[in-house]
Protein backbone atom coordinates (compact mmCIF):
# COMPACT_ATOMS: atom_id res chain seq x y z
CA MET A 1 -40.91 -22.85 -78.86
CA SER A 2 -44.52 -21.79 -78.47
CA ARG A 3 -46.46 -19.64 -80.87
CA ILE A 4 -46.38 -16.77 -78.41
CA ASP A 5 -42.59 -17.03 -78.14
CA ASP A 6 -42.36 -16.96 -81.93
CA PHE A 7 -44.66 -13.93 -82.06
CA ILE A 8 -42.63 -12.07 -79.41
CA ARG A 9 -39.38 -12.87 -81.22
CA GLN A 10 -40.76 -11.66 -84.57
CA GLN A 11 -42.24 -8.47 -83.13
CA SER A 12 -39.07 -7.76 -81.16
CA ALA A 13 -36.98 -8.07 -84.30
CA ALA A 14 -39.26 -5.61 -86.08
CA SER A 15 -39.63 -3.06 -83.29
CA PRO A 16 -37.04 -1.97 -80.71
CA GLU A 17 -39.85 -0.48 -78.62
CA PHE A 18 -41.69 -3.81 -78.56
CA ALA A 19 -38.47 -5.61 -77.68
CA ALA A 20 -37.81 -3.28 -74.74
CA ALA A 21 -41.37 -3.64 -73.48
CA ALA A 22 -41.20 -7.44 -73.77
CA VAL A 23 -37.96 -7.55 -71.76
CA GLN A 24 -39.39 -5.26 -69.06
CA THR A 25 -42.62 -7.26 -68.85
CA SER A 26 -40.67 -10.49 -68.48
CA LEU A 27 -38.56 -8.97 -65.71
CA ASN A 28 -41.67 -7.65 -63.95
CA LEU A 29 -43.36 -11.05 -64.03
CA GLU A 30 -40.27 -12.94 -62.87
CA THR A 31 -39.95 -10.49 -60.00
CA ALA A 32 -43.64 -10.84 -59.15
CA VAL A 33 -43.26 -14.60 -58.79
CA ALA A 34 -40.06 -14.26 -56.73
CA VAL A 35 -41.56 -11.68 -54.37
CA LEU A 36 -44.72 -13.72 -53.89
CA GLN A 37 -42.64 -16.83 -53.15
CA LEU A 38 -40.52 -14.88 -50.66
CA ARG A 39 -43.60 -13.53 -48.88
CA THR A 40 -45.17 -16.99 -48.81
CA GLU A 41 -41.99 -18.57 -47.42
CA GLN A 42 -42.06 -16.03 -44.60
CA ASN A 43 -45.75 -16.75 -43.90
CA LEU A 44 -46.59 -13.05 -44.03
CA THR A 45 -49.71 -11.28 -45.16
CA ARG A 46 -49.33 -8.68 -47.86
CA ALA A 47 -49.79 -5.94 -45.27
CA ALA A 48 -47.10 -7.35 -42.95
CA PHE A 49 -44.68 -7.96 -45.81
CA ALA A 50 -45.29 -4.47 -47.24
CA ARG A 51 -44.40 -2.97 -43.84
CA GLN A 52 -41.28 -5.16 -43.60
CA ILE A 53 -39.93 -4.10 -46.98
CA GLY A 54 -41.00 -0.46 -46.73
CA LEU A 55 -43.67 -0.39 -49.43
CA SER A 56 -47.29 0.61 -49.30
CA LEU A 57 -49.82 -2.21 -49.56
CA PRO A 58 -51.07 -1.02 -52.96
CA THR A 59 -47.49 -0.90 -54.26
CA LEU A 60 -46.76 -4.44 -53.06
CA THR A 61 -50.02 -5.64 -54.62
CA ARG A 62 -49.02 -4.11 -57.95
CA LEU A 63 -45.52 -5.59 -57.61
CA GLU A 64 -46.91 -9.09 -57.01
CA ALA A 65 -49.18 -8.66 -60.04
CA GLY A 66 -46.25 -7.71 -62.29
CA ASP A 67 -47.64 -4.21 -62.77
CA ILE A 68 -44.55 -2.28 -61.63
CA ASP A 69 -41.44 -1.70 -63.71
CA VAL A 70 -38.83 -3.25 -61.47
CA SER A 71 -35.64 -1.39 -60.68
CA LEU A 72 -32.39 -2.56 -59.16
CA SER A 73 -32.89 -0.20 -56.22
CA LEU A 74 -36.29 -1.76 -55.45
CA LEU A 75 -34.80 -5.26 -55.59
CA LYS A 76 -31.97 -4.19 -53.27
CA GLN A 77 -34.50 -2.66 -50.87
CA ILE A 78 -36.43 -5.94 -50.71
CA ALA A 79 -33.27 -8.03 -50.30
CA THR A 80 -31.96 -5.81 -47.51
CA ALA A 81 -35.27 -5.75 -45.63
CA THR A 82 -35.63 -9.54 -45.81
CA HIS A 83 -31.96 -10.31 -45.11
CA LYS A 84 -31.66 -12.08 -48.44
CA GLN A 85 -28.88 -11.95 -50.99
CA LEU A 86 -29.83 -10.48 -54.36
CA SER A 87 -28.59 -12.51 -57.31
CA ILE A 88 -28.80 -11.39 -60.92
CA LYS A 89 -28.06 -13.76 -63.81
CA PHE A 90 -27.65 -13.24 -67.52
CA THR A 91 -28.98 -16.14 -69.55
């Protein structure tokens, strides 16, 4: 475990608000990486991919930066538009 992981674990134990924010941030960043990989696999520019999935270019840019709180409906929208299956795992 890294020092940052230890810090996050300690702060999460002390503060439910911190714990919720840490979980959301982790989800946002995991989604950012997945969306960027999907766009790259399809060889699309941000503008073309944003049109395909029904988002504005600024919204896609924020999504790929991990700056949007991800929702299930947004993930379903992306999966449907790209003809991909959405998979959610608990670990």
